[in-house]
């Protein structure tokens, strides 16, 4: 059992976090879309340059962008 003032009390779902405003959610969405686009561009240029490292970095960027976008959309809906 935890005390009411313990650190676990601040991690409740109904606790209001100031960083979750509508503007912050929109900014996260734009950043995620930017990462996806940049990742796709890096993959294309990595293939054109025959550089597996650049293509891999592009893939990592795109995957991080997709994860960010999914988390942002799921967080905004719930």
N, C-alpha and C. Protein backbone atom coordinates (compact mmCIF):
# COMPACT_ATOMS: atom_id res chain seq x y z
N UNK A 1 0.84 -1.17 0.00
CA UNK A 1 0.00 0.00 0.00
C UNK A 1 0.89 1.24 0.00
N UNK A 2 0.57 2.20 -0.81
CA UNK A 2 1.37 3.42 -0.87
C UNK A 2 0.69 4.54 -0.12
N UNK A 3 1.48 5.46 0.34
CA UNK A 3 0.95 6.64 1.03
C UNK A 3 0.35 7.60 0.02
N UNK A 4 -0.64 8.41 0.38
CA UNK A 4 -1.26 9.33 -0.57
C UNK A 4 -0.30 10.33 -1.20
N UNK A 5 0.75 10.72 -0.52
CA UNK A 5 1.67 11.70 -1.06
C UNK A 5 2.89 11.12 -1.74
N UNK A 6 2.89 9.82 -1.98
CA UNK A 6 4.08 9.18 -2.55
C UNK A 6 4.20 9.49 -4.04
N UNK A 7 5.33 9.11 -4.62
CA UNK A 7 5.57 9.40 -6.03
C UNK A 7 4.65 8.59 -6.95
N UNK A 8 4.13 7.47 -6.46
CA UNK A 8 3.22 6.67 -7.29
C UNK A 8 1.88 7.36 -7.46
N UNK A 9 1.53 8.27 -6.56
CA UNK A 9 0.26 8.96 -6.63
C UNK A 9 0.21 9.92 -7.82
N UNK A 10 1.35 10.42 -8.27
CA UNK A 10 1.38 11.38 -9.37
C UNK A 10 1.33 10.71 -10.73
N UNK A 11 1.38 9.40 -10.79
CA UNK A 11 1.38 8.70 -12.06
C UNK A 11 0.00 8.16 -12.42
N UNK A 12 -1.04 8.70 -11.84
CA UNK A 12 -2.38 8.25 -12.16
C UNK A 12 -2.80 8.72 -13.54
N UNK A 13 -3.75 8.01 -14.13
CA UNK A 13 -4.25 8.38 -15.45
C UNK A 13 -5.02 9.69 -15.41
N UNK A 14 -5.70 9.98 -14.31
CA UNK A 14 -6.52 11.19 -14.25
C UNK A 14 -5.73 12.42 -13.82
N UNK A 15 -4.43 12.28 -13.59
CA UNK A 15 -3.60 13.42 -13.23
C UNK A 15 -3.42 14.31 -14.46
N UNK A 16 -3.51 15.61 -14.28
CA UNK A 16 -3.39 16.54 -15.39
C UNK A 16 -1.92 16.87 -15.59
N UNK A 17 -1.46 16.70 -16.81
CA UNK A 17 -0.08 17.03 -17.13
C UNK A 17 -0.09 18.29 -17.99
N UNK A 18 0.67 19.32 -17.61
CA UNK A 18 0.63 20.57 -18.36
C UNK A 18 1.20 20.46 -19.77
N UNK A 19 2.00 19.44 -20.04
CA UNK A 19 2.61 19.32 -21.37
C UNK A 19 1.64 18.77 -22.41
N UNK A 20 0.45 18.38 -22.00
CA UNK A 20 -0.50 17.77 -22.93
C UNK A 20 -1.56 18.77 -23.35
N UNK A 21 -1.16 19.88 -23.91
CA UNK A 21 -2.10 20.84 -24.45
C UNK A 21 -2.33 20.52 -25.92
N UNK A 22 -3.32 21.15 -26.49
CA UNK A 22 -3.64 20.90 -27.90
C UNK A 22 -2.49 21.35 -28.81
N UNK A 23 -1.85 22.47 -28.48
CA UNK A 23 -0.74 22.96 -29.30
C UNK A 23 0.43 21.97 -29.27
N UNK A 24 0.69 21.39 -28.11
CA UNK A 24 1.77 20.42 -28.00
C UNK A 24 1.46 19.17 -28.81
N UNK A 25 0.22 18.73 -28.80
CA UNK A 25 -0.19 17.55 -29.56
C UNK A 25 -0.04 17.81 -31.06
N UNK A 26 -0.43 18.99 -31.51
CA UNK A 26 -0.29 19.33 -32.93
C UNK A 26 1.19 19.40 -33.31
N UNK A 27 2.01 19.98 -32.44
CA UNK A 27 3.45 20.06 -32.72
C UNK A 27 4.07 18.67 -32.80
N UNK A 28 3.65 17.77 -31.93
CA UNK A 28 4.16 16.40 -31.99
C UNK A 28 3.74 15.71 -33.28
N UNK A 29 2.51 15.96 -33.72
CA UNK A 29 2.04 15.38 -34.98
C UNK A 29 2.85 15.87 -36.17
N UNK A 30 3.11 17.19 -36.21
CA UNK A 30 3.92 17.74 -37.30
C UNK A 30 5.34 17.19 -37.26
N UNK A 31 5.91 17.07 -36.08
CA UNK A 31 7.27 16.53 -35.96
C UNK A 31 7.31 15.08 -36.43
N UNK A 32 6.28 14.31 -36.12
CA UNK A 32 6.24 12.91 -36.55
C UNK A 32 6.13 12.80 -38.06
N UNK A 33 5.27 13.63 -38.66
CA UNK A 33 5.13 13.61 -40.12
C UNK A 33 6.43 14.05 -40.78
N UNK A 34 7.10 15.05 -40.20
CA UNK A 34 8.39 15.50 -40.72
C UNK A 34 9.43 14.37 -40.67
N UNK A 35 9.48 13.64 -39.56
CA UNK A 35 10.43 12.53 -39.44
C UNK A 35 10.14 11.43 -40.45
N UNK A 36 8.87 11.15 -40.69
CA UNK A 36 8.51 10.12 -41.68
C UNK A 36 8.97 10.56 -43.07
N UNK A 37 8.69 11.82 -43.41
CA UNK A 37 9.10 12.33 -44.72
C UNK A 37 10.61 12.36 -44.88
N UNK A 38 11.30 12.83 -43.86
CA UNK A 38 12.76 12.87 -43.90
C UNK A 38 13.34 11.46 -44.01
N UNK A 39 12.76 10.53 -43.27
CA UNK A 39 13.22 9.15 -43.34
C UNK A 39 13.04 8.56 -44.72
N UNK A 40 11.88 8.83 -45.33
CA UNK A 40 11.64 8.32 -46.68
C UNK A 40 12.63 8.93 -47.67
N UNK A 41 12.89 10.23 -47.52
CA UNK A 41 13.85 10.89 -48.40
C UNK A 41 15.25 10.31 -48.23
N UNK A 42 15.64 10.04 -47.01
CA UNK A 42 16.96 9.45 -46.77
C UNK A 42 17.06 8.04 -47.33
N UNK A 43 15.99 7.27 -47.23
CA UNK A 43 16.00 5.92 -47.81
C UNK A 43 16.18 6.00 -49.32
N UNK A 44 15.45 6.92 -49.96
CA UNK A 44 15.56 7.06 -51.42
C UNK A 44 16.96 7.49 -51.82
N UNK A 45 17.51 8.50 -51.14
CA UNK A 45 18.86 8.95 -51.48
C UNK A 45 19.90 7.90 -51.11
N UNK A 46 19.65 7.13 -50.08
CA UNK A 46 20.57 6.05 -49.72
C UNK A 46 20.61 4.98 -50.79
N UNK A 47 19.46 4.69 -51.40
CA UNK A 47 19.42 3.71 -52.49
C UNK A 47 20.07 4.26 -53.75
N UNK A 48 19.85 5.55 -54.03
CA UNK A 48 20.42 6.16 -55.23
C UNK A 48 21.94 6.25 -55.12
N UNK A 49 22.43 6.48 -53.91
CA UNK A 49 23.86 6.61 -53.68
C UNK A 49 24.51 5.25 -53.40
N UNK A 50 23.69 4.21 -53.33
CA UNK A 50 24.13 2.86 -53.00
C UNK A 50 24.84 2.83 -51.65
N UNK A 51 24.23 3.56 -50.69
CA UNK A 51 24.80 3.67 -49.35
C UNK A 51 23.86 2.99 -48.36
N UNK A 52 24.23 1.82 -47.85
CA UNK A 52 23.34 1.14 -46.91
C UNK A 52 23.20 1.89 -45.58
N UNK A 53 24.23 2.64 -45.20
CA UNK A 53 24.15 3.38 -43.94
C UNK A 53 23.11 4.48 -43.99
N UNK A 54 23.08 5.23 -45.10
CA UNK A 54 22.12 6.31 -45.23
C UNK A 54 20.70 5.75 -45.32
N UNK A 55 20.51 4.67 -46.03
CA UNK A 55 19.20 4.03 -46.11
C UNK A 55 18.74 3.52 -44.76
N UNK A 56 19.68 2.97 -44.00
CA UNK A 56 19.34 2.48 -42.66
C UNK A 56 18.96 3.60 -41.72
N UNK A 57 19.69 4.71 -41.78
CA UNK A 57 19.34 5.87 -40.95
C UNK A 57 17.97 6.41 -41.33
N UNK A 58 17.68 6.40 -42.62
CA UNK A 58 16.36 6.84 -43.08
C UNK A 58 15.25 5.94 -42.57
N UNK A 59 15.52 4.64 -42.57
CA UNK A 59 14.53 3.70 -42.06
C UNK A 59 14.30 3.89 -40.57
N UNK A 60 15.37 4.13 -39.83
CA UNK A 60 15.24 4.38 -38.39
C UNK A 60 14.43 5.65 -38.15
N UNK A 61 14.72 6.72 -38.92
CA UNK A 61 13.95 7.96 -38.80
C UNK A 61 12.48 7.73 -39.08
N UNK A 62 12.18 7.00 -40.14
CA UNK A 62 10.79 6.76 -40.51
C UNK A 62 10.07 5.95 -39.43
N UNK A 63 10.72 4.94 -38.89
CA UNK A 63 10.09 4.11 -37.85
C UNK A 63 9.83 4.94 -36.59
N UNK A 64 10.79 5.78 -36.21
CA UNK A 64 10.58 6.64 -35.04
C UNK A 64 9.42 7.60 -35.30
N UNK A 65 9.33 8.12 -36.51
CA UNK A 65 8.22 9.01 -36.86
C UNK A 65 6.88 8.31 -36.78
N UNK A 66 6.81 7.07 -37.26
CA UNK A 66 5.56 6.31 -37.20
C UNK A 66 5.17 6.04 -35.75
N UNK A 67 6.13 5.65 -34.93
CA UNK A 67 5.84 5.39 -33.51
C UNK A 67 5.36 6.66 -32.83
N UNK A 68 6.03 7.78 -33.11
CA UNK A 68 5.61 9.06 -32.54
C UNK A 68 4.19 9.42 -32.95
N UNK A 69 3.88 9.23 -34.23
CA UNK A 69 2.55 9.58 -34.73
C UNK A 69 1.48 8.70 -34.10
N UNK A 70 1.74 7.41 -34.00
CA UNK A 70 0.75 6.50 -33.40
C UNK A 70 0.53 6.86 -31.94
N UNK A 71 1.61 7.13 -31.21
CA UNK A 71 1.47 7.48 -29.79
C UNK A 71 0.74 8.81 -29.61
N UNK A 72 0.99 9.77 -30.51
CA UNK A 72 0.33 11.06 -30.44
C UNK A 72 -1.16 10.93 -30.71
N UNK A 73 -1.50 10.16 -31.75
CA UNK A 73 -2.91 9.99 -32.09
C UNK A 73 -3.64 9.22 -31.00
N UNK A 74 -3.02 8.17 -30.48
CA UNK A 74 -3.66 7.40 -29.41
C UNK A 74 -3.79 8.22 -28.13
N UNK A 75 -2.80 9.07 -27.84
CA UNK A 75 -2.87 9.91 -26.65
C UNK A 75 -3.91 11.01 -26.78
N UNK A 76 -4.09 11.53 -27.97
CA UNK A 76 -5.08 12.59 -28.20
C UNK A 76 -6.50 12.04 -28.16
N UNK A 77 -6.66 10.79 -28.57
CA UNK A 77 -7.99 10.18 -28.59
C UNK A 77 -8.45 9.76 -27.21
N UNK A 78 -7.51 9.46 -26.32
CA UNK A 78 -7.88 8.91 -25.03
C UNK A 78 -7.82 9.84 -23.91
